[in-house]
Amino acid sequence: MTITRVQITITVPPQDRPAARPRGRKDQPPGPRQPQPYTRRDKVTRIMASQPGQDWSGSELAGRLGIRPRNLLTQLAEWTRLGLLAKTSRGRYALPGAAGPGGAATDGAGP
């Protein structure tokens, strides 16, 4: 099948259509924002901080969070590149500056 022609029809909305409403809610006065739920990074950091000096595999962390390891491993690698986590050995992560399994401090520049 060969396409030989494409026809596009543009319609203009009627003039009597009301303008779009602003996205903000006018019935709510400005003030402090509602607390946001913890992010995945917050949850991972809390888990790691609960046992200082321990390094964690992505599978262990994913199991505690109830998510698939593959979904978390990409984030762990990104957080390590940003310096938010330290890589202690292949596939193992800790909080920066925390002692790894050998007692040596980690700095995020691991293998």
Protein backbone atom coordinates (compact mmCIF):
# COMPACT_ATOMS: atom_id res chain seq x y z
CA MET A 1 0.00 0.00 0.00
CA THR A 2 1.36 3.40 -1.01
CA ILE A 3 0.23 6.60 0.66
CA THR A 4 -0.30 9.22 -1.99
CA ARG A 5 -2.06 11.93 -0.04
CA VAL A 6 -2.60 13.19 3.52
CA GLN A 7 -5.46 15.51 4.35
CA ILE A 8 -5.46 17.62 7.51
CA THR A 9 -8.51 19.51 8.67
CA ILE A 10 -8.06 22.27 11.24
CA THR A 11 -11.12 23.41 13.13
CA VAL A 12 -11.36 26.58 15.17
CA PRO A 13 -13.28 26.41 18.46
CA PRO A 14 -16.47 28.46 18.58
CA GLN A 15 -16.21 32.07 19.82
CA ASP A 16 -18.70 31.51 22.66
CA ARG A 17 -16.54 28.85 24.29
CA PRO A 18 -15.37 29.99 27.76
CA ALA A 19 -11.68 30.56 28.36
CA ALA A 20 -9.72 27.83 30.05
CA ARG A 21 -9.70 27.97 33.83
CA PRO A 22 -6.38 28.51 35.60
CA ARG A 23 -4.86 25.35 37.01
CA GLY A 24 -4.38 26.74 40.51
CA ARG A 25 -7.15 26.31 43.05
CA LYS A 26 -8.67 29.61 44.07
CA ASP A 27 -10.67 28.21 46.97
CA GLN A 28 -7.50 27.29 48.85
CA PRO A 29 -5.62 30.14 50.54
CA PRO A 30 -1.86 30.33 50.00
CA GLY A 31 0.11 28.92 52.86
CA PRO A 32 2.50 26.14 53.79
CA ARG A 33 2.50 23.19 51.46
CA GLN A 34 1.30 19.82 52.61
CA PRO A 35 4.15 17.44 53.50
CA GLN A 36 5.09 15.23 50.59
CA PRO A 37 5.48 11.46 51.01
CA TYR A 38 9.02 10.14 51.25
CA THR A 39 10.80 9.67 47.94
CA ARG A 40 12.46 6.40 47.04
CA ARG A 41 15.86 7.95 47.76
CA ASP A 42 14.64 9.04 51.22
CA LYS A 43 13.49 5.49 51.91
CA VAL A 44 16.79 3.96 50.73
CA THR A 45 18.76 6.42 52.85
CA ARG A 46 16.65 5.60 55.91
CA ILE A 47 17.21 1.88 55.42
CA MET A 48 20.96 2.38 55.07
CA ALA A 49 21.11 4.71 58.08
CA SER A 50 19.27 2.14 60.21
CA GLN A 51 22.41 -0.03 60.18
CA PRO A 52 25.46 2.26 59.95
CA GLY A 53 28.59 0.69 58.54
CA GLN A 54 26.74 -1.94 56.52
CA ASP A 55 26.80 -1.97 52.76
CA TRP A 56 23.77 -3.13 50.85
CA SER A 57 23.07 -4.88 47.59
CA GLY A 58 20.40 -3.56 45.27
CA SER A 59 18.43 -6.77 45.79
CA GLU A 60 18.41 -6.34 49.57
CA LEU A 61 17.21 -2.75 49.30
CA ALA A 62 14.59 -3.60 46.67
CA GLY A 63 13.29 -6.41 48.87
CA ARG A 64 12.85 -4.05 51.79
CA LEU A 65 11.05 -1.54 49.56
CA GLY A 66 8.90 -4.18 47.88
CA ILE A 67 9.99 -3.26 44.36
CA ARG A 68 11.79 -5.05 41.52
CA PRO A 69 15.60 -4.93 41.85
CA ARG A 70 16.06 -3.87 38.23
CA ASN A 71 14.03 -0.71 38.86
CA LEU A 72 16.22 0.23 41.82
CA LEU A 73 19.65 -0.68 40.43
CA THR A 74 19.55 2.10 37.83
CA GLN A 75 18.71 4.64 40.50
CA LEU A 76 21.46 3.37 42.83
CA ALA A 77 24.01 3.80 40.04
CA GLU A 78 22.77 7.34 39.32
CA TRP A 79 22.81 8.33 42.99
CA THR A 80 26.38 7.00 43.21
CA ARG A 81 27.45 9.12 40.22
CA LEU A 82 25.89 12.15 41.93
CA GLY A 83 27.82 11.40 45.13
CA LEU A 84 24.70 10.64 47.17
CA LEU A 85 25.78 7.03 47.74
CA ALA A 86 29.12 5.26 47.77
CA LYS A 87 29.88 2.03 45.94
CA THR A 88 31.80 -0.27 48.29
CA SER A 89 32.27 -3.19 45.90
CA ARG A 90 30.58 -4.68 42.88
CA GLY A 91 26.84 -4.26 43.33
CA ARG A 92 27.10 -3.02 46.94
CA TYR A 93 26.30 0.46 48.18
CA ALA A 94 26.57 2.45 51.41
CA LEU A 95 26.08 5.98 52.61
CA PRO A 96 29.12 8.15 51.75
CA GLY A 97 31.71 8.17 54.52
CA ALA A 98 30.20 5.12 56.24
CA ALA A 99 32.51 2.24 56.96
CA GLY A 100 32.24 -0.60 54.48
CA PRO A 101 32.45 -4.32 55.29
CA GLY A 102 36.22 -4.17 55.86
CA GLY A 103 35.89 -1.18 58.15
CA ALA A 104 37.37 1.18 55.55
CA ALA A 105 35.57 4.43 54.88
CA THR A 106 34.03 4.73 51.45
CA ASP A 107 34.09 7.80 49.26
CA GLY A 108 31.91 6.89 46.29
CA ALA A 109 34.88 6.22 44.01
CA GLY A 110 34.71 2.46 44.48
CA PRO A 111 34.96 -0.22 41.77
